[in-house]
Amino acid sequence: MLTDEAGSKLGRRIVDARSRKSWSLAEVSRRTGLSRAYINAIEHGRTRRPGADALQRLEDVLGPLLQGSSMPADIPDGLRRVAEERRIPTSEVQVLAGLRVAGKAPVSAQRWRFIYDAILASESLDGGSE
């Protein structure tokens, strides 16, 4: 169970992560499958016991939120740097780590930034629908 202080810190981290991505509560709700009301309650410290599943869903889309959240050891250094600076969720980093182009994995942080930015830019090609 989170203490009042830990719950408050978690709420601030969620708000900060949402703000960095310019996402509304509705967008986080859509991406996580959690209700807007529940996310809002966590953000404002009105719930002291968000479940492990809820926390994992939030971290999957917003990045690490709790102390001790860490990246798997087998992530290439260049990708690790980009993931930390961009706060890319661990689940996305793991998918990116499996990427191969002409049989080779990207190495440099610069190339990983380019690839990640291209993927983000390509979201508009889907017209907002999945």
N, C-alpha and C. Protein backbone atom coordinates (compact mmCIF):
# COMPACT_ATOMS: atom_id res chain seq x y z
N MET A 1 0.84 -1.18 0.00
CA MET A 1 0.00 0.00 0.00
C MET A 1 0.88 1.24 0.00
N LEU A 2 0.52 2.23 -0.78
CA LEU A 2 1.28 3.47 -0.83
C LEU A 2 0.92 4.35 0.35
N THR A 3 1.91 5.02 0.91
CA THR A 3 1.65 6.00 1.94
C THR A 3 1.04 7.23 1.28
N ASP A 4 0.51 8.16 2.09
CA ASP A 4 -0.05 9.39 1.52
C ASP A 4 1.00 10.13 0.70
N GLU A 5 2.23 10.19 1.22
CA GLU A 5 3.30 10.89 0.52
C GLU A 5 3.66 10.18 -0.79
N ALA A 6 3.76 8.86 -0.75
CA ALA A 6 4.08 8.10 -1.97
C ALA A 6 2.96 8.24 -3.00
N GLY A 7 1.72 8.21 -2.55
CA GLY A 7 0.58 8.38 -3.45
C GLY A 7 0.58 9.75 -4.09
N SER A 8 0.95 10.76 -3.31
CA SER A 8 1.03 12.12 -3.82
C SER A 8 2.15 12.25 -4.86
N LYS A 9 3.31 11.63 -4.59
CA LYS A 9 4.42 11.65 -5.54
C LYS A 9 4.04 10.93 -6.83
N LEU A 10 3.38 9.79 -6.70
CA LEU A 10 2.94 9.05 -7.88
C LEU A 10 2.01 9.91 -8.71
N GLY A 11 1.06 10.57 -8.06
CA GLY A 11 0.13 11.44 -8.78
C GLY A 11 0.84 12.54 -9.53
N ARG A 12 1.83 13.17 -8.88
CA ARG A 12 2.59 14.23 -9.54
C ARG A 12 3.39 13.68 -10.72
N ARG A 13 3.93 12.48 -10.57
CA ARG A 13 4.69 11.87 -11.66
C ARG A 13 3.79 11.58 -12.86
N ILE A 14 2.58 11.14 -12.59
CA ILE A 14 1.64 10.88 -13.69
C ILE A 14 1.29 12.18 -14.41
N VAL A 15 0.98 13.22 -13.63
CA VAL A 15 0.66 14.52 -14.23
C VAL A 15 1.85 15.03 -15.05
N ASP A 16 3.06 14.93 -14.50
CA ASP A 16 4.26 15.38 -15.21
C ASP A 16 4.46 14.60 -16.51
N ALA A 17 4.30 13.28 -16.44
CA ALA A 17 4.48 12.44 -17.63
C ALA A 17 3.44 12.78 -18.69
N ARG A 18 2.19 12.99 -18.26
CA ARG A 18 1.13 13.37 -19.20
C ARG A 18 1.45 14.71 -19.85
N SER A 19 1.92 15.63 -19.03
CA SER A 19 2.24 16.97 -19.51
C SER A 19 3.37 16.93 -20.54
N ARG A 20 4.42 16.14 -20.27
CA ARG A 20 5.53 16.03 -21.22
C ARG A 20 5.06 15.50 -22.57
N LYS A 21 4.07 14.64 -22.55
CA LYS A 21 3.57 14.06 -23.80
C LYS A 21 2.41 14.87 -24.39
N SER A 22 1.98 15.90 -23.65
CA SER A 22 0.83 16.72 -24.05
C SER A 22 -0.43 15.87 -24.22
N TRP A 23 -0.61 14.92 -23.30
CA TRP A 23 -1.77 14.05 -23.36
C TRP A 23 -2.82 14.46 -22.33
N SER A 24 -4.05 14.35 -22.72
CA SER A 24 -5.18 14.59 -21.81
C SER A 24 -5.44 13.32 -21.00
N LEU A 25 -6.28 13.46 -19.98
CA LEU A 25 -6.71 12.28 -19.24
C LEU A 25 -7.38 11.28 -20.18
N ALA A 26 -8.16 11.80 -21.11
CA ALA A 26 -8.86 10.93 -22.05
C ALA A 26 -7.87 10.11 -22.89
N GLU A 27 -6.75 10.73 -23.29
CA GLU A 27 -5.76 10.01 -24.09
C GLU A 27 -5.09 8.91 -23.27
N VAL A 28 -4.73 9.22 -22.04
CA VAL A 28 -4.12 8.20 -21.18
C VAL A 28 -5.13 7.09 -20.92
N SER A 29 -6.37 7.45 -20.72
CA SER A 29 -7.43 6.46 -20.52
C SER A 29 -7.56 5.54 -21.73
N ARG A 30 -7.55 6.13 -22.91
CA ARG A 30 -7.67 5.34 -24.14
C ARG A 30 -6.50 4.38 -24.28
N ARG A 31 -5.29 4.86 -23.99
CA ARG A 31 -4.10 4.04 -24.17
C ARG A 31 -3.93 2.97 -23.09
N THR A 32 -4.46 3.22 -21.90
CA THR A 32 -4.29 2.26 -20.80
C THR A 32 -5.50 1.36 -20.58
N GLY A 33 -6.67 1.82 -21.01
CA GLY A 33 -7.89 1.08 -20.71
C GLY A 33 -8.42 1.36 -19.31
N LEU A 34 -7.80 2.31 -18.61
CA LEU A 34 -8.27 2.70 -17.27
C LEU A 34 -9.22 3.89 -17.44
N SER A 35 -10.16 4.03 -16.53
CA SER A 35 -11.11 5.14 -16.65
C SER A 35 -10.44 6.47 -16.33
N ARG A 36 -10.97 7.53 -16.94
CA ARG A 36 -10.46 8.87 -16.66
C ARG A 36 -10.61 9.20 -15.18
N ALA A 37 -11.74 8.79 -14.60
CA ALA A 37 -11.99 9.09 -13.18
C ALA A 37 -10.95 8.41 -12.29
N TYR A 38 -10.59 7.18 -12.62
CA TYR A 38 -9.60 6.45 -11.81
C TYR A 38 -8.22 7.10 -11.93
N ILE A 39 -7.83 7.45 -13.16
CA ILE A 39 -6.53 8.11 -13.35
C ILE A 39 -6.51 9.44 -12.61
N ASN A 40 -7.59 10.19 -12.71
CA ASN A 40 -7.68 11.47 -12.02
C ASN A 40 -7.59 11.28 -10.51
N ALA A 41 -8.23 10.24 -9.99
CA ALA A 41 -8.17 9.97 -8.55
C ALA A 41 -6.74 9.65 -8.11
N ILE A 42 -6.01 8.91 -8.93
CA ILE A 42 -4.62 8.60 -8.61
C ILE A 42 -3.79 9.89 -8.64
N GLU A 43 -4.01 10.70 -9.68
CA GLU A 43 -3.26 11.95 -9.81
C GLU A 43 -3.47 12.88 -8.61
N HIS A 44 -4.66 12.89 -8.08
CA HIS A 44 -4.98 13.80 -6.98
C HIS A 44 -4.90 13.14 -5.60
N GLY A 45 -4.34 11.92 -5.57
CA GLY A 45 -4.14 11.26 -4.29
C GLY A 45 -5.42 10.82 -3.60
N ARG A 46 -6.48 10.64 -4.37
CA ARG A 46 -7.75 10.22 -3.77
C ARG A 46 -7.88 8.70 -3.69
N THR A 47 -6.89 8.00 -4.20
CA THR A 47 -6.86 6.55 -4.04
C THR A 47 -5.46 6.20 -3.56
N ARG A 48 -5.36 5.43 -2.51
CA ARG A 48 -4.06 5.09 -1.94
C ARG A 48 -3.56 3.74 -2.39
N ARG A 49 -4.40 3.00 -3.10
CA ARG A 49 -4.00 1.64 -3.46
C ARG A 49 -4.23 1.33 -4.93
N PRO A 50 -3.56 2.04 -5.84
CA PRO A 50 -3.72 1.62 -7.24
C PRO A 50 -3.13 0.22 -7.39
N GLY A 51 -3.83 -0.63 -8.10
CA GLY A 51 -3.38 -2.00 -8.26
C GLY A 51 -2.14 -2.12 -9.13
N ALA A 52 -1.47 -3.24 -9.01
CA ALA A 52 -0.26 -3.49 -9.79
C ALA A 52 -0.56 -3.44 -11.29
N ASP A 53 -1.72 -3.96 -11.70
CA ASP A 53 -2.09 -3.94 -13.10
C ASP A 53 -2.26 -2.51 -13.59
N ALA A 54 -2.90 -1.67 -12.79
CA ALA A 54 -3.10 -0.26 -13.17
C ALA A 54 -1.76 0.44 -13.28
N LEU A 55 -0.88 0.21 -12.31
CA LEU A 55 0.44 0.84 -12.36
C LEU A 55 1.22 0.39 -13.59
N GLN A 56 1.15 -0.90 -13.91
CA GLN A 56 1.86 -1.41 -15.08
C GLN A 56 1.32 -0.78 -16.35
N ARG A 57 0.01 -0.67 -16.46
CA ARG A 57 -0.58 -0.05 -17.65
C ARG A 57 -0.13 1.40 -17.80
N LEU A 58 -0.12 2.12 -16.66
CA LEU A 58 0.32 3.52 -16.70
C LEU A 58 1.79 3.62 -17.09
N GLU A 59 2.63 2.76 -16.51
CA GLU A 59 4.06 2.79 -16.85
C GLU A 59 4.30 2.38 -18.31
N ASP A 60 3.47 1.49 -18.82
CA ASP A 60 3.63 1.07 -20.22
C ASP A 60 3.45 2.23 -21.18
N VAL A 61 2.58 3.18 -20.85
CA VAL A 61 2.35 4.30 -21.76
C VAL A 61 3.07 5.59 -21.34
N LEU A 62 3.32 5.75 -20.05
CA LEU A 62 3.93 6.99 -19.57
C LEU A 62 5.41 6.86 -19.21
N GLY A 63 5.88 5.62 -19.06
CA GLY A 63 7.26 5.41 -18.61
C GLY A 63 7.30 5.12 -17.12
N PRO A 64 8.49 4.88 -16.59
CA PRO A 64 8.62 4.53 -15.17
C PRO A 64 8.06 5.61 -14.25
N LEU A 65 7.26 5.19 -13.28
CA LEU A 65 6.63 6.13 -12.35
C LEU A 65 7.08 5.92 -10.91
N LEU A 66 7.47 4.70 -10.58
CA LEU A 66 7.86 4.38 -9.21
C LEU A 66 9.37 4.21 -9.12
N GLN A 67 9.92 4.50 -7.94
CA GLN A 67 11.35 4.24 -7.72
C GLN A 67 11.56 2.74 -7.91
N GLY A 68 12.67 2.39 -8.48
CA GLY A 68 12.97 0.97 -8.66
C GLY A 68 12.52 0.44 -10.01
N SER A 69 11.77 1.24 -10.78
CA SER A 69 11.43 0.80 -12.13
C SER A 69 12.72 0.84 -12.93
N SER A 70 13.04 -0.22 -13.59
CA SER A 70 14.31 -0.22 -14.30
C SER A 70 14.19 -0.88 -15.66
N MET A 71 15.16 -0.59 -16.46
CA MET A 71 15.23 -1.12 -17.81
C MET A 71 15.88 -2.50 -17.77
N PRO A 72 15.46 -3.42 -18.62
CA PRO A 72 16.13 -4.72 -18.69
C PRO A 72 17.60 -4.56 -19.05
N ALA A 73 18.43 -5.48 -18.60
CA ALA A 73 19.88 -5.39 -18.79
C ALA A 73 20.31 -5.55 -20.24
N ASP A 74 19.50 -6.23 -21.08
CA ASP A 74 19.93 -6.52 -22.45
C ASP A 74 19.58 -5.42 -23.46
N ILE A 75 19.31 -4.22 -23.01
CA ILE A 75 18.97 -3.11 -23.90
C ILE A 75 20.28 -2.46 -24.38
N PRO A 76 20.43 -2.25 -25.71
CA PRO A 76 21.65 -1.60 -26.22
C PRO A 76 21.85 -0.21 -25.59
N ASP A 77 23.11 0.17 -25.39
CA ASP A 77 23.42 1.43 -24.72
C ASP A 77 22.80 2.64 -25.39
N GLY A 78 22.87 2.71 -26.72
CA GLY A 78 22.29 3.86 -27.44
C GLY A 78 20.79 3.96 -27.19
N LEU A 79 20.10 2.85 -27.26
CA LEU A 79 18.66 2.83 -27.00
C LEU A 79 18.37 3.17 -25.54
N ARG A 80 19.19 2.66 -24.63
CA ARG A 80 19.00 2.96 -23.20
C ARG A 80 19.08 4.47 -22.96
N ARG A 81 20.06 5.13 -23.57
CA ARG A 81 20.20 6.59 -23.39
C ARG A 81 18.96 7.33 -23.90
N VAL A 82 18.50 6.95 -25.09
CA VAL A 82 17.32 7.60 -25.66
C VAL A 82 16.09 7.31 -24.80
N ALA A 83 15.94 6.08 -24.35
CA ALA A 83 14.80 5.71 -23.52
C ALA A 83 14.77 6.52 -22.22
N GLU A 84 15.93 6.73 -21.63
CA GLU A 84 15.99 7.49 -20.38
C GLU A 84 15.71 8.97 -20.63
N GLU A 85 16.28 9.53 -21.68
CA GLU A 85 16.07 10.97 -21.93
C GLU A 85 14.65 11.26 -22.39
N ARG A 86 14.03 10.33 -23.13
CA ARG A 86 12.67 10.52 -23.63
C ARG A 86 11.61 9.88 -22.74
N ARG A 87 12.08 9.15 -21.73
CA ARG A 87 11.17 8.44 -20.80
C ARG A 87 10.23 7.51 -21.56
N ILE A 88 10.82 6.72 -22.42
CA ILE A 88 10.06 5.76 -23.22
C ILE A 88 9.67 4.59 -22.32
N PRO A 89 8.41 4.18 -22.34
CA PRO A 89 7.98 3.05 -21.50
C PRO A 89 8.80 1.79 -21.77
N THR A 90 9.06 1.04 -20.71
CA THR A 90 9.87 -0.17 -20.79
C THR A 90 9.32 -1.14 -21.84
N SER A 91 8.00 -1.26 -21.91
CA SER A 91 7.42 -2.19 -22.88
C SER A 91 7.76 -1.78 -24.31
N GLU A 92 7.79 -0.47 -24.60
CA GLU A 92 8.16 0.00 -25.94
C GLU A 92 9.64 -0.20 -26.19
N VAL A 93 10.46 0.02 -25.16
CA VAL A 93 11.91 -0.16 -25.30
C VAL A 93 12.22 -1.61 -25.66
N GLN A 94 11.52 -2.54 -25.02
CA GLN A 94 11.75 -3.95 -25.30
C GLN A 94 11.41 -4.29 -26.75
N VAL A 95 10.35 -3.70 -27.27
CA VAL A 95 9.99 -3.93 -28.67
C VAL A 95 11.05 -3.33 -29.59
N LEU A 96 11.45 -2.09 -29.29
CA LEU A 96 12.49 -1.44 -30.10
C LEU A 96 13.79 -2.22 -30.08
N ALA A 97 14.14 -2.80 -28.94
CA ALA A 97 15.41 -3.54 -28.81
C ALA A 97 15.46 -4.73 -29.78
N GLY A 98 14.32 -5.23 -30.20
CA GLY A 98 14.28 -6.35 -31.14
C GLY A 98 14.37 -5.93 -32.60
N LEU A 99 14.41 -4.63 -32.84
CA LEU A 99 14.43 -4.11 -34.21
C LEU A 99 15.75 -4.43 -34.91
N ARG A 100 15.63 -4.91 -36.13
CA ARG A 100 16.80 -5.18 -36.97
C ARG A 100 16.54 -4.58 -38.34
N VAL A 101 17.54 -3.91 -38.89
CA VAL A 101 17.45 -3.33 -40.23
C VAL A 101 18.58 -3.96 -41.03
N ALA A 102 18.23 -4.65 -42.11
CA ALA A 102 19.20 -5.39 -42.92
C ALA A 102 19.99 -6.35 -42.03
N GLY A 103 19.31 -6.93 -41.07
CA GLY A 103 19.92 -7.93 -40.19
C GLY A 103 20.72 -7.36 -39.03
N LYS A 104 20.83 -6.04 -38.93
CA LYS A 104 21.64 -5.43 -37.88
C LYS A 104 20.79 -4.54 -36.98
N ALA A 105 21.12 -4.54 -35.69
CA ALA A 105 20.44 -3.66 -34.74
C ALA A 105 21.08 -2.28 -34.80
N PRO A 106 20.29 -1.21 -34.72
CA PRO A 106 20.88 0.12 -34.61
C PRO A 106 21.76 0.20 -33.37
N VAL A 107 22.78 1.05 -33.42
CA VAL A 107 23.74 1.13 -32.31
C VAL A 107 23.72 2.50 -31.64
N SER A 108 23.88 3.56 -32.40
CA SER A 108 24.06 4.89 -31.81
C SER A 108 22.76 5.47 -31.26
N ALA A 109 22.91 6.30 -30.26
CA ALA A 109 21.75 7.01 -29.69
C ALA A 109 21.12 7.89 -30.76
N GLN A 110 21.95 8.49 -31.61
CA GLN A 110 21.44 9.35 -32.67
C GLN A 110 20.51 8.56 -33.60
N ARG A 111 20.88 7.37 -33.97
CA ARG A 111 20.04 6.56 -34.86
C ARG A 111 18.76 6.13 -34.15
N TRP A 112 18.86 5.76 -32.87
CA TRP A 112 17.67 5.38 -32.11
C TRP A 112 16.70 6.56 -32.01
N ARG A 113 17.23 7.77 -31.80
CA ARG A 113 16.36 8.96 -31.75
C ARG A 113 15.62 9.11 -33.07
N PHE A 114 16.35 8.98 -34.18
CA PHE A 114 15.75 9.11 -35.51
C PHE A 114 14.63 8.09 -35.69
N ILE A 115 14.91 6.84 -35.35
CA ILE A 115 13.93 5.76 -35.52
C ILE A 115 12.70 6.03 -34.66
N TYR A 116 12.92 6.38 -33.39
CA TYR A 116 11.79 6.61 -32.49
C TYR A 116 10.95 7.80 -32.97
N ASP A 117 11.62 8.88 -33.37
CA ASP A 117 10.89 10.06 -33.87
C ASP A 117 10.09 9.71 -35.13
N ALA A 118 10.66 8.88 -35.99
CA ALA A 118 9.95 8.49 -37.22
C ALA A 118 8.70 7.67 -36.88
N ILE A 119 8.81 6.80 -35.90
CA ILE A 119 7.66 6.00 -35.48
C ILE A 119 6.56 6.90 -34.93
N LEU A 120 6.95 7.85 -34.07
CA LEU A 120 5.96 8.77 -33.51
C LEU A 120 5.31 9.60 -34.61
N ALA A 121 6.11 10.09 -35.55
CA ALA A 121 5.57 10.90 -36.64
C ALA A 121 4.61 10.09 -37.51
N SER A 122 4.85 8.80 -37.63
CA SER A 122 4.02 7.98 -38.51
C SER A 122 2.63 7.71 -37.92
N GLU A 123 2.42 8.01 -36.63
CA GLU A 123 1.08 7.80 -36.04
C GLU A 123 0.01 8.53 -36.81
N SER A 124 0.33 9.71 -37.33
CA SER A 124 -0.67 10.48 -38.07
C SER A 124 -1.12 9.78 -39.35
N LEU A 125 -0.31 8.88 -39.87
CA LEU A 125 -0.68 8.14 -41.08
C LEU A 125 -1.86 7.21 -40.86
N ASP A 126 -2.05 6.81 -39.59
CA ASP A 126 -3.18 5.94 -39.26
C ASP A 126 -4.48 6.72 -39.11
N GLY A 127 -4.42 8.02 -39.18
CA GLY A 127 -5.62 8.84 -39.07
C GLY A 127 -6.26 8.79 -37.71
N GLY A 128 -5.49 8.46 -36.67
CA GLY A 128 -6.02 8.44 -35.30
C GLY A 128 -6.84 7.21 -34.98
N SER A 129 -6.97 6.26 -35.90
CA SER A 129 -7.73 5.05 -35.61
C SER A 129 -6.80 3.85 -35.56
N GLU A 130 -7.20 2.88 -34.77
CA GLU A 130 -6.38 1.67 -34.66
C GLU A 130 -7.06 0.52 -35.33
